Amino acid sequence: MEKTFETALKELEVIIKELESGTIELEQAITKYTEAMGLVKFCSDKLTAATDQVNKTIAENGELQVFEIQDDVKE
């Protein structure tokens, strides 16, 4: 079964709590930190992919087109 963003985020939260507790030994903390960095990269990659997917829309002619938010704020 493929890991989901939500699962990875929950795993990351658990690791962070363990590291913040200060009760684990140095070697285990290093292992947990390395695991956490892998989860951060996984989540970041998933968010980037989701952002790219959302930013593309299909134009009337059927071609993909980048969707850009217009900032119409007047000062």
C-alpha atoms as a PDB file:
ATOM      1  CA  MET A   1       0.000   0.000   0.000  1.00  0.00           C
ATOM      2  CA  GLU A   2       1.367   3.407  -0.987  1.00  0.00           C
ATOM      3  CA  LYS A   3       1.997   5.944   1.772  1.00  0.00           C
ATOM      4  CA  THR A   4      -0.332   8.924   1.742  1.00  0.00           C
ATOM      5  CA  PHE A   5       0.409  12.519   2.649  1.00  0.00           C
ATOM      6  CA  GLU A   6      -1.827  12.225   5.712  1.00  0.00           C
ATOM      7  CA  THR A   7      -0.092   9.054   6.935  1.00  0.00           C
ATOM      8  CA  ALA A   8       3.346  10.582   6.476  1.00  0.00           C
ATOM      9  CA  LEU A   9       2.273  13.727   8.312  1.00  0.00           C
ATOM     10  CA  LYS A  10       0.990  11.682  11.272  1.00  0.00           C
ATOM     11  CA  GLU A  11       4.260   9.721  11.377  1.00  0.00           C
ATOM     12  CA  LEU A  12       6.180  12.991  11.326  1.00  0.00           C
ATOM     13  CA  GLU A  13       4.116  14.369  14.220  1.00  0.00           C
ATOM     14  CA  VAL A  14       4.893  11.254  16.302  1.00  0.00           C
ATOM     15  CA  ILE A  15       8.617  11.552  15.608  1.00  0.00           C
ATOM     16  CA  ILE A  16       8.615  15.246  16.501  1.00  0.00           C
ATOM     17  CA  LYS A  17       6.931  14.509  19.838  1.00  0.00           C
ATOM     18  CA  GLU A  18       9.510  11.792  20.545  1.00  0.00           C
ATOM     19  CA  LEU A  19      12.399  14.119  19.725  1.00  0.00           C
ATOM     20  CA  GLU A  20      10.924  16.971  21.753  1.00  0.00           C
ATOM     21  CA  SER A  21      10.443  14.717  24.782  1.00  0.00           C
ATOM     22  CA  GLY A  22      14.198  14.502  25.244  1.00  0.00           C
ATOM     23  CA  THR A  23      13.892  10.960  26.578  1.00  0.00           C
ATOM     24  CA  ILE A  24      15.474   9.059  23.690  1.00  0.00           C
ATOM     25  CA  GLU A  25      19.157   8.324  23.366  1.00  0.00           C
ATOM     26  CA  LEU A  26      21.378  10.210  20.917  1.00  0.00           C
ATOM     27  CA  GLU A  27      21.755   7.381  18.379  1.00  0.00           C
ATOM     28  CA  GLN A  28      18.001   6.814  18.329  1.00  0.00           C
ATOM     29  CA  ALA A  29      17.429  10.570  18.024  1.00  0.00           C
ATOM     30  CA  ILE A  30      19.729  10.693  14.988  1.00  0.00           C
ATOM     31  CA  THR A  31      17.851   7.789  13.393  1.00  0.00           C
ATOM     32  CA  LYS A  32      14.498   9.454  14.118  1.00  0.00           C
ATOM     33  CA  TYR A  33      15.750  12.782  12.753  1.00  0.00           C
ATOM     34  CA  THR A  34      16.880  11.112   9.532  1.00  0.00           C
ATOM     35  CA  GLU A  35      13.508   9.381   9.211  1.00  0.00           C
ATOM     36  CA  ALA A  36      11.746  12.693   9.840  1.00  0.00           C
ATOM     37  CA  MET A  37      13.732  14.427   7.101  1.00  0.00           C
ATOM     38  CA  GLY A  38      12.658  11.702   4.659  1.00  0.00           C
ATOM     39  CA  LEU A  39       9.034  12.245   5.660  1.00  0.00           C
ATOM     40  CA  VAL A  40       9.416  16.020   5.236  1.00  0.00           C
ATOM     41  CA  LYS A  41      10.735  15.490   1.694  1.00  0.00           C
ATOM     42  CA  PHE A  42       7.914  13.045   0.906  1.00  0.00           C
ATOM     43  CA  CYS A  43       5.278  15.536   2.137  1.00  0.00           C
ATOM     44  CA  SER A  44       6.918  18.414   0.294  1.00  0.00           C
ATOM     45  CA  ASP A  45       6.990  16.413  -2.947  1.00  0.00           C
ATOM     46  CA  LYS A  46       3.314  15.480  -2.526  1.00  0.00           C
ATOM     47  CA  LEU A  47       2.358  19.122  -1.931  1.00  0.00           C
ATOM     48  CA  THR A  48       4.333  20.252  -4.966  1.00  0.00           C
ATOM     49  CA  ALA A  49       2.635  17.625  -7.137  1.00  0.00           C
ATOM     50  CA  ALA A  50      -0.799  18.612  -5.820  1.00  0.00           C
ATOM     51  CA  THR A  51      -0.077  22.295  -6.435  1.00  0.00           C
ATOM     52  CA  ASP A  52       1.029  21.569  -9.997  1.00  0.00           C
ATOM     53  CA  GLN A  53      -2.105  19.529 -10.610  1.00  0.00           C
ATOM     54  CA  VAL A  54      -4.408  22.235  -9.222  1.00  0.00           C
ATOM     55  CA  ASN A  55      -2.647  24.957 -11.200  1.00  0.00           C
ATOM     56  CA  LYS A  56      -3.464  23.293 -14.504  1.00  0.00           C
ATOM     57  CA  THR A  57      -6.867  23.662 -16.072  1.00  0.00           C
ATOM     58  CA  ILE A  58      -8.235  22.544 -19.392  1.00  0.00           C
ATOM     59  CA  ALA A  59      -8.946  25.395 -21.771  1.00  0.00           C
ATOM     60  CA  GLU A  60     -11.907  25.390 -24.138  1.00  0.00           C
ATOM     61  CA  ASN A  61      -9.771  23.929 -26.923  1.00  0.00           C
ATOM     62  CA  GLY A  62      -8.830  20.951 -24.723  1.00  0.00           C
ATOM     63  CA  GLU A  63      -5.241  21.990 -24.060  1.00  0.00           C
ATOM     64  CA  LEU A  64      -3.820  22.258 -20.581  1.00  0.00           C
ATOM     65  CA  GLN A  65      -3.289  25.789 -19.427  1.00  0.00           C
ATOM     66  CA  VAL A  66      -1.704  27.122 -16.256  1.00  0.00           C
ATOM     67  CA  PHE A  67      -4.208  28.629 -13.863  1.00  0.00           C
ATOM     68  CA  GLU A  68      -2.994  31.836 -12.269  1.00  0.00           C
ATOM     69  CA  ILE A  69      -4.710  33.720  -9.472  1.00  0.00           C
ATOM     70  CA  GLN A  70      -5.222  37.364 -10.312  1.00  0.00           C
ATOM     71  CA  ASP A  71      -4.420  39.738  -7.485  1.00  0.00           C
ATOM     72  CA  ASP A  72      -6.939  42.550  -7.908  1.00  0.00           C
ATOM     73  CA  VAL A  73      -6.316  44.184  -4.545  1.00  0.00           C
ATOM     74  CA  LYS A  74      -6.400  47.963  -4.872  1.00  0.00           C
ATOM     75  CA  GLU A  75      -4.506  50.110  -2.429  1.00  0.00           C
END
